[in-house]
Protein backbone atom coordinates (compact mmCIF):
# COMPACT_ATOMS: atom_id res chain seq x y z
CA MET A 1 0.00 0.00 0.00
CA SER A 2 1.50 3.35 -1.04
CA ALA A 3 1.85 6.15 1.51
CA PRO A 4 -0.47 9.19 1.30
CA TYR A 5 1.02 12.30 -0.29
CA THR A 6 -0.06 15.90 -0.96
CA LYS A 7 0.12 18.41 -3.79
CA SER A 8 -0.10 22.20 -3.33
CA LEU A 9 -3.03 23.71 -5.21
CA ASP A 10 -3.01 27.17 -3.56
CA HIS A 11 -4.31 29.94 -5.85
CA LEU A 12 -3.12 28.21 -9.03
CA GLY A 13 -6.56 26.65 -9.38
CA LEU A 14 -7.95 30.15 -9.93
CA VAL A 15 -5.34 30.85 -12.63
CA ALA A 16 -5.94 27.50 -14.34
CA GLY A 17 -9.70 28.00 -14.02
CA PHE A 18 -9.63 31.29 -15.91
CA CYS A 19 -7.40 29.78 -18.62
CA LYS A 20 -10.03 27.04 -19.01
CA GLU A 21 -12.82 29.61 -18.97
CA ILE A 22 -11.40 31.37 -22.04
CA ASN A 23 -10.21 28.08 -23.67
CA LEU A 24 -6.64 29.36 -23.74
CA ILE A 25 -5.01 25.96 -24.36
CA GLU A 26 -7.27 25.32 -27.37
CA LEU A 27 -6.72 28.86 -28.70
CA ILE A 28 -2.93 28.44 -28.65
CA ASP A 29 -3.07 24.91 -30.11
CA ASN A 30 -5.32 26.06 -32.95
CA VAL A 31 -2.71 28.64 -33.95
CA LEU A 32 0.53 26.73 -33.26
CA GLY A 33 -0.73 23.29 -34.19
CA HIS A 34 -0.79 20.06 -32.19
CA CYS A 35 1.66 17.19 -32.67
CA LYS A 36 0.71 13.74 -31.33
CA GLU A 37 4.39 12.92 -30.79
CA ARG A 38 4.74 15.64 -28.15
CA LYS A 39 3.87 14.68 -24.59
CA MET A 40 2.37 18.15 -23.99
CA SER A 41 0.78 20.51 -26.45
CA PHE A 42 2.08 24.04 -26.98
CA GLY A 43 -1.10 25.31 -25.35
CA GLN A 44 -0.42 23.28 -22.20
CA LEU A 45 3.19 24.48 -22.09
CA PHE A 46 1.98 28.07 -22.53
CA VAL A 47 -0.42 27.76 -19.59
CA ALA A 48 2.37 26.08 -17.56
CA MET A 49 4.47 29.22 -18.02
CA ILE A 50 1.53 31.35 -16.88
CA LEU A 51 1.08 29.17 -13.79
CA ASN A 52 4.75 29.58 -13.02
CA GLY A 53 4.67 33.31 -13.62
CA LEU A 54 1.64 33.81 -11.39
CA GLY A 55 3.12 31.47 -8.80
CA PHE A 56 5.32 34.46 -7.85
CA THR A 57 8.54 32.46 -7.74
CA GLY A 58 10.63 34.17 -10.43
CA ARG A 59 12.08 30.84 -11.57
CA THR A 60 14.06 30.59 -14.79
CA LEU A 61 13.10 28.09 -17.50
CA HIS A 62 15.37 25.25 -16.38
CA MET A 63 13.76 25.28 -12.90
CA TYR A 64 10.22 24.61 -14.14
CA SER A 65 10.26 20.81 -13.64
CA GLU A 66 11.29 21.21 -10.03
CA TYR A 67 8.58 23.83 -9.45
CA PHE A 68 5.80 21.59 -10.79
CA GLU A 69 6.81 18.49 -8.78
CA SER A 70 4.61 19.69 -5.92
CA LYS A 71 1.65 20.78 -8.09
CA PRO A 72 -1.48 18.74 -9.08
CA LEU A 73 -0.86 18.91 -12.81
CA ASP A 74 -3.84 16.68 -13.63
CA ARG A 75 -6.17 19.42 -12.37
CA LEU A 76 -4.16 22.37 -13.63
CA LEU A 77 -3.09 21.22 -17.10
CA GLY A 78 -4.83 17.95 -17.89
CA PRO A 79 -4.41 14.20 -17.40
CA ASP A 80 -1.10 12.37 -17.90
CA VAL A 81 1.01 15.56 -17.56
CA LEU A 82 4.17 14.95 -15.53
CA PRO A 83 6.68 17.52 -14.16
CA GLU A 84 9.49 16.13 -16.31
CA HIS A 85 7.46 16.97 -19.42
CA ILE A 86 7.78 20.67 -18.55
CA ASN A 87 11.52 21.00 -19.24
CA ASP A 88 13.66 23.71 -20.74
CA ASP A 89 13.78 21.99 -24.13
CA ALA A 90 10.00 21.75 -24.45
CA LEU A 91 9.51 25.29 -23.19
CA GLY A 92 12.17 26.61 -25.55
CA ARG A 93 10.42 24.98 -28.52
CA CYS A 94 7.15 26.52 -27.34
CA LEU A 95 8.73 29.99 -27.22
CA ASP A 96 10.15 29.46 -30.71
CA ALA A 97 6.72 28.48 -32.02
CA LEU A 98 5.14 31.54 -30.38
CA TYR A 99 7.69 33.82 -32.04
CA GLU A 100 7.19 32.21 -35.47
CA SER A 101 3.43 32.72 -35.20
CA GLY A 102 3.86 36.47 -34.50
CA VAL A 103 3.59 37.30 -30.82
CA SER A 104 1.79 40.63 -31.24
CA SER A 105 -0.97 39.35 -33.54
CA LEU A 106 -1.42 36.17 -31.46
CA TYR A 107 -1.68 38.15 -28.26
CA GLN A 108 -4.12 40.59 -29.86
CA ASN A 109 -6.44 37.64 -30.62
CA ILE A 110 -6.24 36.52 -26.99
CA GLY A 111 -6.88 40.05 -25.71
CA GLU A 112 -9.93 40.46 -27.96
CA GLN A 113 -11.37 37.17 -26.72
CA VAL A 114 -10.86 38.10 -23.06
CA VAL A 115 -12.39 41.59 -23.41
CA GLU A 116 -15.41 40.07 -25.20
CA HIS A 117 -15.70 37.30 -22.58
CA LEU A 118 -15.68 39.82 -19.73
CA GLY A 119 -18.13 42.12 -21.52
CA LEU A 120 -15.96 45.20 -21.03
CA PRO A 121 -17.19 48.42 -22.71
CA CYS A 122 -13.62 49.53 -23.52
CA GLU A 123 -14.32 53.27 -23.78
CA SER A 124 -10.64 54.10 -24.09
CA LEU A 125 -7.32 52.43 -24.88
CA HIS A 126 -4.12 53.43 -23.10
CA LEU A 127 -0.67 53.27 -24.67
CA ASP A 128 2.59 53.22 -22.69
CA SER A 129 5.97 51.48 -22.57
CA THR A 130 8.56 50.22 -20.10
CA SER A 131 11.91 48.44 -20.15
CA PHE A 132 13.23 45.16 -18.77
CA HIS A 133 16.95 44.69 -18.31
CA TYR A 134 18.93 41.75 -19.60
CA ASP A 135 21.37 40.12 -17.18
CA GLY A 136 23.90 39.10 -19.85
CA GLN A 137 26.75 41.39 -20.89
CA GLU A 138 26.67 41.00 -24.65
CA LYS A 139 24.28 42.70 -27.03
CA LEU A 140 21.70 40.33 -28.53
CA ASN A 141 20.69 41.18 -32.07
CA GLU A 142 22.06 38.21 -33.96
CA GLY A 143 18.58 36.92 -34.87
CA ASP A 144 16.85 37.47 -38.19
CA PHE A 145 16.24 40.92 -39.63
CA ASN A 146 12.90 41.34 -37.90
CA THR A 147 14.00 40.52 -34.36
CA ILE A 148 14.52 43.09 -31.64
CA ALA A 149 17.99 44.13 -30.46
CA ILE A 150 18.84 43.70 -26.78
CA THR A 151 21.05 46.72 -26.22
CA LYS A 152 21.57 49.79 -24.06
CA GLY A 153 19.09 52.65 -24.11
CA TYR A 154 17.25 55.04 -21.83
CA SER A 155 16.71 52.96 -18.67
CA ARG A 156 13.48 53.41 -16.72
CA ASP A 157 15.06 51.15 -14.06
CA HIS A 158 17.97 53.57 -13.63
CA ARG A 159 20.37 50.82 -14.76
CA PRO A 160 22.03 52.43 -17.81
CA GLU A 161 24.95 50.00 -17.63
CA LEU A 162 22.71 47.03 -18.56
CA ASN A 163 21.32 46.02 -21.93
CA GLN A 164 17.54 46.02 -22.10
CA VAL A 165 14.39 45.37 -24.11
CA ILE A 166 11.31 47.60 -24.42
CA LEU A 167 7.70 46.45 -24.03
CA ASN A 168 4.88 48.57 -25.47
CA LEU A 169 1.41 47.87 -24.07
CA ILE A 170 -2.09 49.03 -24.94
CA CYS A 171 -4.64 48.42 -22.16
CA GLU A 172 -8.39 48.97 -21.91
CA ASN A 173 -9.50 51.33 -19.17
CA GLN A 174 -12.00 49.32 -17.11
CA ALA A 175 -10.00 46.36 -15.80
CA GLY A 176 -6.55 47.24 -17.13
CA ILE A 177 -6.56 44.26 -19.51
CA PRO A 178 -3.68 44.50 -22.04
CA VAL A 179 -5.24 44.19 -25.50
CA TYR A 180 -2.02 44.62 -27.47
CA MET A 181 1.69 44.12 -26.80
CA LYS A 182 4.72 44.90 -28.94
CA PRO A 183 8.35 44.18 -27.99
CA ALA A 184 10.94 46.68 -29.21
CA SER A 185 14.71 47.07 -29.21
CA GLY A 186 16.35 48.36 -26.04
CA ASN A 187 17.35 51.67 -27.63
CA SER A 188 13.89 52.41 -29.08
CA ASN A 189 12.52 55.91 -28.77
CA ASP A 190 8.97 56.10 -27.38
CA MET A 191 7.92 58.77 -29.88
CA GLU A 192 9.03 56.66 -32.85
CA GLY A 193 7.67 53.46 -31.32
CA PHE A 194 4.24 54.96 -30.64
CA LYS A 195 4.19 56.43 -34.14
CA LYS A 196 4.71 52.96 -35.69
CA ILE A 197 2.06 51.36 -33.49
CA VAL A 198 -0.46 54.06 -34.40
CA LYS A 199 0.22 53.63 -38.12
CA SER A 200 0.16 49.83 -38.08
CA HIS A 201 -2.32 48.69 -35.46
CA ILE A 202 -4.64 51.37 -34.07
CA GLN A 203 -7.22 50.96 -36.84
CA SER A 204 -7.55 47.20 -36.26
CA LEU A 205 -7.61 47.64 -32.47
CA ARG A 206 -10.27 50.31 -32.76
CA ALA A 207 -12.40 48.02 -34.93
CA ALA A 208 -11.99 45.10 -32.53
CA GLN A 209 -12.50 46.98 -29.27
CA ALA A 210 -14.85 49.76 -30.44
CA SER A 211 -12.92 52.17 -28.24
CA ARG A 212 -13.70 55.89 -28.42
CA TYR A 213 -10.40 57.35 -27.22
CA LEU A 214 -6.70 56.55 -27.47
CA ILE A 215 -4.87 57.91 -24.44
CA GLY A 216 -1.14 58.30 -23.92
CA ASP A 217 1.57 60.32 -22.28
CA ALA A 218 3.59 63.13 -23.88
CA ALA A 219 5.45 60.71 -26.19
CA LEU A 220 2.20 60.25 -28.16
CA TYR A 221 1.89 63.99 -28.83
CA VAL A 222 3.97 64.20 -32.00
CA GLN A 223 2.71 66.08 -35.06
CA GLU A 224 2.91 63.11 -37.41
CA THR A 225 1.28 60.75 -34.89
CA ILE A 226 -1.67 62.93 -33.97
CA ALA A 227 -2.15 63.83 -37.64
CA HIS A 228 -2.48 60.14 -38.49
CA LEU A 229 -4.91 59.60 -35.62
CA ASN A 230 -6.98 62.51 -36.88
CA GLU A 231 -7.04 61.04 -40.40
CA LEU A 232 -8.40 57.79 -38.92
CA ASP A 233 -11.10 59.77 -37.08
CA GLN A 234 -9.59 58.38 -33.89
CA LEU A 235 -10.17 60.64 -30.90
CA PHE A 236 -7.16 61.06 -28.62
CA ILE A 237 -6.45 62.45 -25.18
CA THR A 238 -2.79 62.94 -24.44
CA ARG A 239 -0.46 65.04 -22.36
CA VAL A 240 1.27 67.92 -24.12
CA PRO A 241 5.07 68.06 -23.67
CA GLN A 242 5.92 71.25 -21.78
CA THR A 243 9.03 71.58 -23.95
CA LEU A 244 6.84 72.82 -26.82
CA LYS A 245 7.01 76.57 -27.46
CA GLU A 246 3.21 76.81 -27.47
CA ALA A 247 2.97 74.92 -24.16
CA LYS A 248 5.57 77.15 -22.50
CA ALA A 249 3.64 80.22 -23.63
CA LEU A 250 0.38 78.87 -22.19
CA ILE A 251 2.03 78.08 -18.85
CA VAL A 252 3.30 81.67 -18.68
CA GLN A 253 -0.23 82.94 -19.38
CA ALA A 254 -1.76 80.69 -16.69
CA PRO A 255 -1.93 83.36 -13.93
CA ASP A 256 -4.10 85.53 -16.20
CA LEU A 257 -6.58 82.74 -17.02
CA GLU A 258 -9.72 82.09 -15.03
CA LEU A 259 -9.53 78.44 -13.95
CA GLU A 260 -12.77 76.63 -13.11
CA ALA A 261 -13.08 73.96 -10.42
CA ILE A 262 -12.98 70.47 -11.95
CA THR A 263 -12.82 68.43 -8.73
CA ASP A 264 -11.73 69.24 -5.18
CA ASP A 265 -8.03 69.07 -6.10
CA TYR A 266 -8.09 70.24 -9.73
CA ARG A 267 -8.93 73.43 -11.59
CA GLY A 268 -8.76 73.98 -15.32
CA ALA A 269 -9.58 75.97 -18.46
CA TRP A 270 -10.11 75.04 -22.11
CA VAL A 271 -7.87 76.73 -24.70
CA THR A 272 -8.25 76.26 -28.45
CA SER A 273 -5.20 75.07 -30.36
CA ASN A 274 -4.27 74.26 -33.94
CA TYR A 275 -0.97 72.52 -33.23
CA GLY A 276 0.11 70.41 -36.20
CA ASP A 277 -2.75 71.95 -38.25
CA ILE A 278 -5.25 69.87 -36.27
CA ALA A 279 -8.25 71.54 -34.64
CA GLN A 280 -8.12 70.57 -30.99
CA ARG A 281 -8.62 71.75 -27.44
CA TRP A 282 -5.98 72.02 -24.77
CA LEU A 283 -7.06 71.62 -21.16
CA LEU A 284 -4.77 73.56 -18.83
CA VAL A 285 -4.98 71.82 -15.45
CA TYR A 286 -3.82 73.01 -12.04
CA SER A 287 -3.29 70.27 -9.44
CA GLU A 288 -3.05 71.11 -5.75
CA GLN A 289 -1.08 67.96 -5.00
CA ALA A 290 1.28 68.54 -7.90
CA PHE A 291 1.84 72.10 -6.70
CA LYS A 292 2.90 70.92 -3.24
CA ARG A 293 5.17 68.29 -4.74
CA GLU A 294 6.75 70.64 -7.27
CA GLN A 295 7.17 73.44 -4.72
CA HIS A 296 9.67 71.30 -2.84
CA ASN A 297 11.44 70.51 -6.12
CA LEU A 298 11.43 74.21 -7.02
CA ASP A 299 13.33 75.10 -3.85
CA LYS A 300 15.97 72.48 -4.65
CA ARG A 301 16.14 73.61 -8.27
CA MET A 302 16.52 77.28 -7.27
CA LEU A 303 19.44 76.43 -4.97
CA LYS A 304 21.15 74.37 -7.63
CA LYS A 305 20.50 76.88 -10.39
CA GLY A 306 21.55 79.74 -8.10
CA ASP A 307 24.94 78.10 -7.54
CA ALA A 308 25.41 77.75 -11.29
CA GLU A 309 24.43 81.39 -11.88
CA ARG A 310 26.90 82.57 -9.20
CA LYS A 311 29.68 80.81 -11.09
CA THR A 312 28.76 82.54 -14.34
CA PHE A 313 28.80 85.93 -12.55
CA LYS A 314 32.20 85.16 -11.07
CA ASN A 315 33.50 84.47 -14.57
CA LEU A 316 31.91 87.69 -15.81
CA CYS A 317 33.67 89.68 -13.07
CA GLN A 318 37.04 88.33 -14.22
CA GLN A 319 36.62 89.64 -17.76
CA GLU A 320 38.30 92.84 -18.94
CA PHE A 321 36.37 95.30 -21.12
CA ALA A 322 37.78 97.99 -23.38
CA CYS A 323 35.11 100.53 -22.47
CA GLU A 324 32.42 101.12 -19.89
CA GLN A 325 29.65 100.66 -22.46
CA ASP A 326 30.87 97.15 -23.33
CA ALA A 327 30.88 96.22 -19.64
CA LEU A 328 27.37 97.58 -19.08
CA LYS A 329 26.13 95.71 -22.16
CA ALA A 330 27.65 92.43 -20.92
CA LEU A 331 26.10 92.95 -17.48
CA SER A 332 22.69 93.60 -19.06
CA GLN A 333 22.96 90.46 -21.19
CA TRP A 334 23.94 88.39 -18.14
CA ARG A 335 20.91 89.64 -16.19
CA LYS A 336 18.52 88.68 -19.02
CA LYS A 337 19.78 85.09 -19.02
CA GLN A 338 19.36 84.49 -15.28
CA SER A 339 16.27 82.74 -13.94
CA TYR A 340 16.65 83.23 -10.20
CA LEU A 341 19.47 85.72 -9.44
CA ASP A 342 19.90 89.43 -10.01
CA VAL A 343 22.75 91.80 -9.16
CA ASP A 344 23.27 95.23 -7.70
CA GLY A 345 26.19 95.81 -10.03
CA ALA A 346 28.67 98.46 -10.98
CA VAL A 347 31.41 98.97 -13.55
CA ASN A 348 34.86 99.77 -12.14
CA THR A 349 37.67 101.52 -13.94
CA VAL A 350 41.05 99.78 -13.64
CA GLN A 351 44.26 101.61 -14.59
CA VAL A 352 47.51 99.76 -15.25
CA TYR A 353 50.87 101.55 -14.77
CA SER A 354 54.32 100.52 -15.93
CA GLY A 355 56.91 99.62 -13.38
CA LYS A 356 56.54 98.27 -9.85
CA GLY A 357 55.08 99.85 -6.77
CA ARG A 358 52.94 102.95 -6.39
CA PRO A 359 52.85 105.14 -9.52
CA ALA A 360 54.55 108.48 -9.30
CA ALA A 361 52.53 111.68 -9.06
CA GLY A 362 51.34 112.76 -12.48
CA GLN A 363 52.33 109.43 -14.08
CA LYS A 364 49.93 108.46 -16.84
CA PRO A 365 48.55 104.90 -16.95
CA GLU A 366 49.87 102.56 -19.59
CA ARG A 367 46.35 101.30 -20.30
CA THR A 368 42.85 101.37 -18.84
CA TYR A 369 40.19 98.64 -18.78
CA TYR A 370 36.82 98.09 -17.09
CA GLN A 371 35.54 95.31 -14.82
CA ILE A 372 32.16 94.38 -13.37
CA SER A 373 31.49 93.91 -9.66
CA GLY A 374 28.35 93.71 -7.55
CA ALA A 375 26.29 91.93 -4.89
CA LEU A 376 24.05 89.07 -5.99
CA PHE A 377 20.54 88.58 -4.61
CA SER A 378 17.46 86.47 -5.37
CA PRO A 379 14.40 88.66 -6.06
CA LEU A 380 11.16 87.46 -4.46
CA SER A 381 9.38 88.35 -7.69
CA ASN A 382 11.38 85.62 -9.49
CA ARG A 383 10.28 83.01 -6.98
CA ASN A 384 6.68 84.20 -7.05
CA ALA A 385 6.66 84.05 -10.85
CA ALA A 386 8.09 80.52 -10.74
CA LEU A 387 5.47 79.46 -8.17
CA LYS A 388 2.71 80.55 -10.56
CA GLN A 389 4.02 78.14 -13.19
CA ILE A 390 4.19 74.93 -11.14
CA GLY A 391 1.44 72.41 -10.46
CA LEU A 392 0.29 72.85 -14.07
CA PHE A 393 0.03 70.42 -16.96
CA ILE A 394 -1.74 70.39 -20.32
CA ILE A 395 -3.98 67.72 -21.85
CA ALA A 396 -4.77 67.82 -25.58
CA THR A 397 -7.76 66.28 -27.38
CA ASN A 398 -9.26 66.43 -30.85
CA ASP A 399 -12.74 65.81 -29.40
CA LEU A 400 -14.38 69.20 -29.89
CA SER A 401 -17.82 68.10 -28.75
CA SER A 402 -19.50 69.47 -25.63
CA GLU A 403 -19.91 65.88 -24.38
CA LEU A 404 -16.25 65.84 -23.33
CA THR A 405 -16.26 67.96 -20.21
CA MET A 406 -13.15 68.98 -18.30
CA GLU A 407 -13.94 66.43 -15.60
CA LYS A 408 -14.39 63.59 -18.09
CA ALA A 409 -11.22 64.48 -20.00
CA LEU A 410 -9.22 64.55 -16.77
CA THR A 411 -10.76 61.29 -15.53
CA LEU A 412 -10.01 59.50 -18.80
CA TYR A 413 -6.45 60.79 -18.83
CA LYS A 414 -5.89 59.73 -15.21
CA SER A 415 -7.08 56.21 -16.06
CA GLN A 416 -3.70 55.93 -17.80
CA GLN A 417 -2.68 54.64 -14.39
CA ALA A 418 -4.19 51.28 -15.40
CA VAL A 419 -1.30 50.51 -17.75
CA GLU A 420 1.23 51.96 -15.29
CA LYS A 421 -0.21 49.65 -12.61
CA GLY A 422 0.30 46.75 -15.03
CA PHE A 423 3.95 47.67 -15.51
CA ARG A 424 4.47 47.81 -11.74
CA PHE A 425 2.99 44.32 -11.54
CA LEU A 426 5.22 42.97 -14.32
CA LYS A 427 8.33 44.46 -12.71
CA SER A 428 7.52 43.29 -9.19
CA PRO A 429 10.35 41.14 -7.80
CA ASP A 430 7.72 38.55 -6.79
CA PHE A 431 6.51 38.12 -10.38
CA LEU A 432 8.00 35.99 -13.15
CA THR A 433 11.11 38.14 -13.37
CA SER A 434 12.02 41.80 -13.68
CA SER A 435 15.10 40.90 -15.68
CA ILE A 436 15.60 38.49 -18.57
CA TYR A 437 17.98 35.55 -18.77
CA LEU A 438 17.22 34.06 -22.20
CA LYS A 439 19.88 34.42 -24.86
CA LYS A 440 17.83 34.45 -28.08
CA PRO A 441 16.00 37.64 -29.09
CA GLU A 442 13.21 35.53 -30.59
CA ARG A 443 12.59 33.74 -27.30
CA ILE A 444 12.78 37.01 -25.36
CA GLU A 445 9.98 38.41 -27.55
CA ALA A 446 7.92 35.29 -26.87
CA LEU A 447 8.63 35.48 -23.13
CA LEU A 448 7.38 39.08 -23.10
CA MET A 449 4.14 37.78 -24.58
CA VAL A 450 3.90 35.17 -21.81
CA MET A 451 4.51 37.87 -19.20
CA THR A 452 1.81 40.08 -20.74
CA THR A 453 -0.63 37.16 -20.72
CA CYS A 454 0.14 36.68 -17.01
CA LEU A 455 -0.86 40.31 -16.45
CA MET A 456 -4.00 39.78 -18.52
CA VAL A 457 -5.05 36.72 -16.45
CA TYR A 458 -4.29 38.53 -13.19
CA ALA A 459 -6.25 41.66 -14.16
CA ALA A 460 -9.15 39.63 -15.59
CA LEU A 461 -9.45 37.49 -12.46
CA GLU A 462 -9.47 40.59 -10.26
CA HIS A 463 -12.20 42.14 -12.42
CA GLN A 464 -14.27 38.93 -12.44
CA ILE A 465 -14.03 38.49 -8.67
CA ARG A 466 -15.11 42.07 -7.97
CA LYS A 467 -17.89 41.96 -10.56
CA GLN A 468 -19.33 38.65 -9.31
CA LEU A 469 -19.11 39.63 -5.64
CA GLN A 470 -21.22 42.70 -6.39
CA ALA A 471 -23.63 40.87 -8.70
CA LYS A 472 -24.26 38.10 -6.15
CA ASP A 473 -24.17 40.40 -3.12
CA MET A 474 -21.30 38.43 -1.60
CA TYR A 475 -18.38 39.70 0.47
CA PHE A 476 -14.76 38.69 0.99
CA PRO A 477 -12.83 39.68 4.13
CA SER A 478 -10.24 42.39 3.53
CA GLN A 479 -6.76 42.47 5.07
CA LYS A 480 -8.35 44.36 7.98
CA LYS A 481 -10.95 41.57 8.27
CA LYS A 482 -13.77 43.80 7.09
CA PRO A 483 -16.26 42.65 4.42
CA SER A 484 -15.26 43.88 0.97
CA GLN A 485 -16.40 43.54 -2.61
CA LYS A 486 -13.20 44.94 -4.11
CA PRO A 487 -10.31 42.71 -3.01
CA THR A 488 -7.10 42.74 -5.02
CA ALA A 489 -6.23 39.56 -6.86
CA ARG A 490 -2.94 39.46 -4.98
CA TRP A 491 -4.76 39.40 -1.62
CA VAL A 492 -7.12 36.68 -2.84
CA PHE A 493 -4.13 34.65 -4.05
CA GLN A 494 -2.48 34.97 -0.65
CA CYS A 495 -5.67 33.80 1.07
CA PHE A 496 -5.59 30.56 -0.96
CA GLU A 497 -2.19 29.63 0.44
CA ALA A 498 -2.01 26.10 1.91
CA VAL A 499 -5.02 24.76 -0.03
CA THR A 500 -3.81 21.24 -0.70
CA LEU A 501 -4.85 18.02 -2.43
CA LEU A 502 -4.44 14.87 -0.33
CA TYR A 503 -3.89 11.70 -2.38
CA LEU A 504 -4.89 8.36 -0.85
CA GLU A 505 -4.59 4.98 -2.52
CA ASP A 506 -7.65 3.97 -4.58
CA GLN A 507 -9.53 7.14 -3.63
CA PRO A 508 -10.18 10.45 -5.40
CA PRO A 509 -7.94 13.25 -4.08
CA ILE A 510 -9.36 15.28 -1.19
CA VAL A 511 -9.09 19.06 -0.95
CA VAL A 512 -7.86 20.01 2.53
CA ASN A 513 -7.28 23.34 4.33
CA LYS A 514 -10.10 24.98 2.39
CA LYS A 515 -11.78 27.73 4.42
CA ASP A 516 -15.08 29.58 4.16
CA ARG A 517 -13.53 32.73 2.69
CA GLN A 518 -11.95 30.68 -0.11
CA GLN A 519 -15.29 29.03 -0.84
CA VAL A 520 -16.82 32.50 -1.28
CA ILE A 521 -14.44 33.19 -4.20
CA ILE A 522 -14.94 29.71 -5.68
CA ASP A 523 -18.74 30.03 -5.55
CA CYS A 524 -18.80 33.50 -7.05
CA LEU A 525 -16.58 32.43 -9.97
CA GLY A 526 -18.62 29.39 -10.93
CA SER A 527 -18.62 25.71 -11.86
CA ILE A 528 -15.17 25.49 -13.51
CA TYR A 529 -13.54 26.66 -10.28
CA ARG A 530 -15.75 24.47 -8.08
CA GLU A 531 -14.63 21.44 -10.08
CA ILE A 532 -10.94 22.31 -9.59
CA TYR A 533 -11.32 22.87 -5.85
CA SER A 534 -13.61 19.89 -5.11
């Protein structure tokens, strides 16, 4: 008689349940094909990588078999699946097949299916990008012509010494579900990357998701990009870079504009614009919180800039001028260039005599030159003027209708946080990995698709749990042990820790350590999940 043994189910049953709910294994197998000679299909291997990624272990590919030794694979992936089947060779072939199928188009199909399954209205799409660093030293761009290059570029992780890869995401605004992903080379420029995505994919995404607005940060606000969006009749809401001449001028005019209350913390005013020959409206927004934050930064900036301006004045005082007018002109030019300092200055006459010592009475100077001197000070008017220009930002839109109010425009723009939240999740040290160890650009692209699908499953589960709790008038205890209908998926996952399957000889496995709060989630999600946890 064999001894009893256990397998850890934990929250992985929820992850596997959602993958079954959207038929993810079948969807992948239909695209990549199914070979009877393989012990596991590509779809099963794909879901295995998602289970590992959402297991929050950060294991590399060659550690997968060890990870799955303690998991009930028959319930998670299907019958006759063994841990040794999930090895680095099989996973590598799966990543190769994903790359060959086109990771962006394949993921877009998955995203469309999930959004339709969840019944999300998808009023707006949000575009953003982030970087993941590569832990190898060499550049990786030896793949075919179409592969990305793993190389150095602007590092959002503040690790400029490491090579990296860029991930562009487009998310819907309700649940933060990524509907499109596009890997890019590590030295890609956001403005150019967004421009290519807009030209190549926005029309198909708009048709699939029926979204009204495309929303992005300042990198989206490029003349060519917004012109193309306008040609497609695609409405956009995006932040205006404050480096633009027109934006700087509007910020300077801000104290003279009458700003209306938008919410408790925001005030704003509409201003018409024709930037890039596109009729649009700019919403100048003042944020109380941003003002307080930037005021502290202003003080630091004034000190730093003041030190730099003192050095330029010191250099000016060391110069010799042929006449007093030249010195006064140089002093005037210096004052115009300074942002924070001014001077109570004077021009001094300096006479140079031949010989050593004190010049004799009546001795004429050999030459005369002029130098600047003075006492520096920081005018309060400069600081007050600077204070009037902080806490401000500008949002642009080509929606000229009265339906788009200031409050709605600001709310839609702020929902850009959904994609930023997704990036924070992907780069969490508890997730799959914040850095990349693979050595083939093709497999790195495919791994980025797997990581994005992990985010999609996580966000979709969180949305489903919250939606069903409200629909069925059920509650789940929060971390403070208070009834809640909006738990985070991460908290729910943690609450499923220690749910285990007990295997006894000649008997069906028994679920042990299941508590009432876990049953609440299982019941609200439905029959697929009840079957996994029964």
